[in-house]
Amino acid sequence: MRRDPLAFLTAAERRDGPVATFRIGPSRWVLLSDADAISEVLVARAGDFDKPDAIYGAGRPIFGHALTGLKGEVWRRRRTLVAPA
């Protein structure tokens, strides 16, 4: 993961399909690559899912300041701004 995060995530998706799971340290992570599942988690049931604080450190090189790396009110504001697109 540290050497090539994109290759790691691509390999996880290839291995497990659209709902890939893997461990980083003691934490279990889930990678979604199915549009309907992503919409369910990020839009329809956003309040039911929490992004662990680790995503901000580990995920920042991959996601930058994209919606996937935000949560709470900041996520809501940005999500509203990009919704028309």
Protein backbone atom coordinates (compact mmCIF):
# COMPACT_ATOMS: atom_id res chain seq x y z
CA MET A 1 0.00 0.00 0.00
CA ARG A 2 2.77 2.48 0.88
CA ARG A 3 4.81 1.91 -2.25
CA ASP A 4 1.98 2.13 -4.78
CA PRO A 5 -1.45 2.82 -3.27
CA LEU A 6 -3.28 2.89 -6.60
CA ALA A 7 -1.82 -0.49 -7.65
CA PHE A 8 -2.75 -1.93 -4.24
CA LEU A 9 -6.38 -0.78 -4.53
CA THR A 10 -6.64 -1.91 -8.15
CA ALA A 11 -5.34 -5.35 -7.20
CA ALA A 12 -7.85 -5.57 -4.31
CA GLU A 13 -10.72 -4.75 -6.68
CA ARG A 14 -9.48 -7.29 -9.24
CA ARG A 15 -9.16 -9.95 -6.53
CA ASP A 16 -12.43 -9.34 -4.63
CA GLY A 17 -14.69 -7.59 -7.13
CA PRO A 18 -16.74 -4.45 -6.52
CA VAL A 19 -16.75 -4.87 -2.72
CA ALA A 20 -13.14 -5.51 -1.77
CA THR A 21 -11.93 -5.80 1.81
CA PHE A 22 -8.42 -5.64 3.19
CA ARG A 23 -6.59 -4.92 6.42
CA ILE A 24 -4.25 -2.06 7.15
CA GLY A 25 -2.81 -2.64 10.58
CA PRO A 26 -5.62 -3.53 12.95
CA SER A 27 -8.31 -1.89 10.79
CA ARG A 28 -10.50 -3.61 8.21
CA TRP A 29 -11.17 -1.45 5.14
CA VAL A 30 -13.82 -1.79 2.45
CA LEU A 31 -13.25 -0.54 -1.09
CA LEU A 32 -16.39 -0.05 -3.18
CA SER A 33 -16.11 0.15 -6.97
CA ASP A 34 -19.77 -0.40 -7.86
CA ALA A 35 -21.63 2.85 -8.67
CA ASP A 36 -24.88 1.75 -6.99
CA ALA A 37 -23.09 0.69 -3.80
CA ILE A 38 -21.11 3.93 -3.73
CA SER A 39 -24.30 5.95 -4.14
CA GLU A 40 -25.94 3.98 -1.33
CA VAL A 41 -23.07 4.69 1.06
CA LEU A 42 -22.25 8.28 0.10
CA VAL A 43 -25.72 9.62 -0.65
CA ALA A 44 -28.74 7.51 0.38
CA ARG A 45 -27.36 6.34 3.73
CA ALA A 46 -24.49 8.73 4.35
CA GLY A 47 -25.43 9.16 8.01
CA ASP A 48 -25.17 5.41 8.63
CA PHE A 49 -21.50 5.19 7.69
CA ASP A 50 -18.49 6.81 9.28
CA LYS A 51 -15.14 7.31 7.62
CA PRO A 52 -12.39 6.49 10.09
CA ASP A 53 -9.91 9.24 10.86
CA ALA A 54 -7.21 7.07 9.27
CA ILE A 55 -8.63 7.81 5.82
CA TYR A 56 -7.44 11.37 6.16
CA GLY A 57 -3.83 10.33 6.69
CA ALA A 58 -3.64 7.18 4.59
CA GLY A 59 -6.10 8.34 1.97
CA ARG A 60 -4.85 11.89 1.44
CA PRO A 61 -2.16 10.92 -1.15
CA ILE A 62 -4.81 9.05 -3.15
CA PHE A 63 -7.91 11.19 -2.67
CA GLY A 64 -6.46 14.62 -1.91
CA HIS A 65 -9.31 16.87 -0.80
CA ALA A 66 -11.92 15.00 -2.86
CA LEU A 67 -15.35 14.14 -1.45
CA THR A 68 -14.14 10.67 -0.49
CA GLY A 69 -11.74 12.19 2.02
CA LEU A 70 -14.23 14.49 3.70
CA LYS A 71 -17.00 14.00 6.22
CA GLY A 72 -19.61 15.87 8.18
CA GLU A 73 -20.62 19.40 7.31
CA VAL A 74 -17.65 19.99 4.98
CA TRP A 75 -18.66 16.90 2.99
CA ARG A 76 -22.31 18.06 2.86
CA ARG A 77 -21.40 21.53 1.54
CA ARG A 78 -19.08 20.19 -1.15
CA ARG A 79 -21.51 17.41 -2.08
CA THR A 80 -24.24 20.01 -2.62
CA LEU A 81 -21.91 22.06 -4.83
CA VAL A 82 -20.99 19.15 -7.11
CA ALA A 83 -24.44 17.50 -7.21
CA PRO A 84 -25.56 19.30 -10.40
CA ALA A 85 -22.49 17.98 -12.22
